[in-house]
């Protein structure tokens, strides 16, 4: 797993979601809470992130840094177990286990 380039939007989204879910954020942009993992990403890397997350166990989500990217995340997650979140943590597509 590569460490993503951290821009302000990525860092802000990671911090917001870690606080909302009372989770732990990693350097790779993943937030772990309870038994779920959320990976924050941008439109540029969403397809690769979804492909990686779909291979992992348990509930996994991709969260976008902006609302405009959610439609692309939904397309990338179609046919996978990966759930999709808005930048504020609102689930727009539940993860499958």
Protein backbone atom coordinates (compact mmCIF):
# COMPACT_ATOMS: atom_id res chain seq x y z
CA UNK A 1 0.00 0.00 0.00
CA UNK A 2 1.47 3.30 -1.08
CA UNK A 3 1.33 6.36 1.08
CA UNK A 4 -0.89 8.85 -0.73
CA UNK A 5 0.24 12.36 -1.52
CA UNK A 6 -1.39 14.40 1.23
CA UNK A 7 -3.13 17.53 0.06
CA UNK A 8 -5.28 19.69 2.34
CA UNK A 9 -8.55 18.07 1.29
CA UNK A 10 -7.20 14.54 1.86
CA UNK A 11 -5.78 15.41 5.27
CA UNK A 12 -8.95 17.25 6.33
CA UNK A 13 -11.18 14.34 5.28
CA UNK A 14 -9.02 11.78 7.07
CA UNK A 15 -9.05 13.85 10.26
CA UNK A 16 -12.80 14.51 10.04
CA UNK A 17 -13.67 10.83 9.60
CA UNK A 18 -11.25 9.62 12.27
CA UNK A 19 -12.88 12.04 14.70
CA UNK A 20 -16.44 11.18 13.64
CA UNK A 21 -15.94 7.42 13.94
CA UNK A 22 -13.53 7.64 16.87
CA UNK A 23 -11.09 5.64 14.80
CA UNK A 24 -7.38 5.50 14.25
CA UNK A 25 -5.88 7.01 11.10
CA UNK A 26 -2.77 5.56 9.46
CA UNK A 27 -0.16 7.29 7.32
CA UNK A 28 -1.68 5.54 4.31
CA UNK A 29 -4.97 7.38 4.73
CA UNK A 30 -6.91 4.52 6.29
CA UNK A 31 -9.20 4.88 9.25
CA UNK A 32 -9.91 1.81 11.33
CA UNK A 33 -12.94 1.80 13.58
CA UNK A 34 -14.68 -1.16 15.14
CA UNK A 35 -14.31 -3.86 12.49
CA UNK A 36 -14.42 -1.58 9.44
CA UNK A 37 -11.74 0.14 7.38
CA UNK A 38 -12.26 3.40 5.51
CA UNK A 39 -9.75 4.55 2.89
CA UNK A 40 -9.88 8.21 1.93
CA UNK A 41 -8.97 8.91 -1.67
CA UNK A 42 -9.42 11.22 -4.62
CA UNK A 43 -10.95 10.68 -8.04
CA UNK A 44 -7.47 10.14 -9.48
CA UNK A 45 -6.90 6.94 -7.49
CA UNK A 46 -10.38 5.70 -6.62
CA UNK A 47 -10.35 2.75 -9.07
CA UNK A 48 -7.05 1.42 -7.69
CA UNK A 49 -8.19 1.88 -4.09
CA UNK A 50 -11.48 0.05 -4.73
CA UNK A 51 -9.60 -2.82 -6.40
CA UNK A 52 -7.28 -3.10 -3.40
CA UNK A 53 -10.06 -2.85 -0.80
CA UNK A 54 -12.20 -5.46 -2.54
CA UNK A 55 -9.51 -8.06 -1.75
CA UNK A 56 -9.61 -7.42 1.99
CA UNK A 57 -11.70 -9.11 4.65
CA UNK A 58 -14.45 -7.43 6.57
CA UNK A 59 -16.39 -4.29 5.79
CA UNK A 60 -14.41 -1.77 3.75
CA UNK A 61 -15.31 1.68 2.52
CA UNK A 62 -13.87 4.23 0.18
CA UNK A 63 -14.46 7.86 1.18
CA UNK A 64 -13.97 10.66 -1.28
CA UNK A 65 -12.41 14.03 -0.50
CA UNK A 66 -15.24 15.86 -2.26
CA UNK A 67 -18.87 15.21 -3.11
CA UNK A 68 -18.21 15.46 -6.84
CA UNK A 69 -16.09 12.29 -6.70
CA UNK A 70 -18.79 10.15 -5.11
CA UNK A 71 -20.42 9.30 -8.45
CA UNK A 72 -17.08 8.02 -9.74
CA UNK A 73 -16.58 6.02 -6.52
CA UNK A 74 -20.00 4.42 -6.95
CA UNK A 75 -19.10 3.39 -10.50
CA UNK A 76 -15.75 1.98 -9.36
CA UNK A 77 -17.37 0.06 -6.48
CA UNK A 78 -20.17 -1.39 -8.61
CA UNK A 79 -20.01 -5.18 -8.47
CA UNK A 80 -17.64 -5.20 -5.48
CA UNK A 81 -18.14 -5.44 -1.72
CA UNK A 82 -16.69 -1.96 -1.18
CA UNK A 83 -18.98 0.63 0.36
CA UNK A 84 -18.88 4.32 -0.50
CA UNK A 85 -18.94 7.32 1.84
CA UNK A 86 -19.36 11.04 1.38
CA UNK A 87 -16.53 13.25 2.73
CA UNK A 88 -18.53 13.77 5.93
CA UNK A 89 -18.89 10.01 6.55
CA UNK A 90 -22.44 9.62 5.28
CA UNK A 91 -22.75 6.14 3.78
CA UNK A 92 -24.17 6.27 0.25
CA UNK A 93 -23.52 2.59 -0.48
CA UNK A 94 -23.20 0.08 2.37
CA UNK A 95 -20.25 -2.30 2.40
CA UNK A 96 -20.87 -6.00 2.00
CA UNK A 97 -19.04 -8.44 4.21
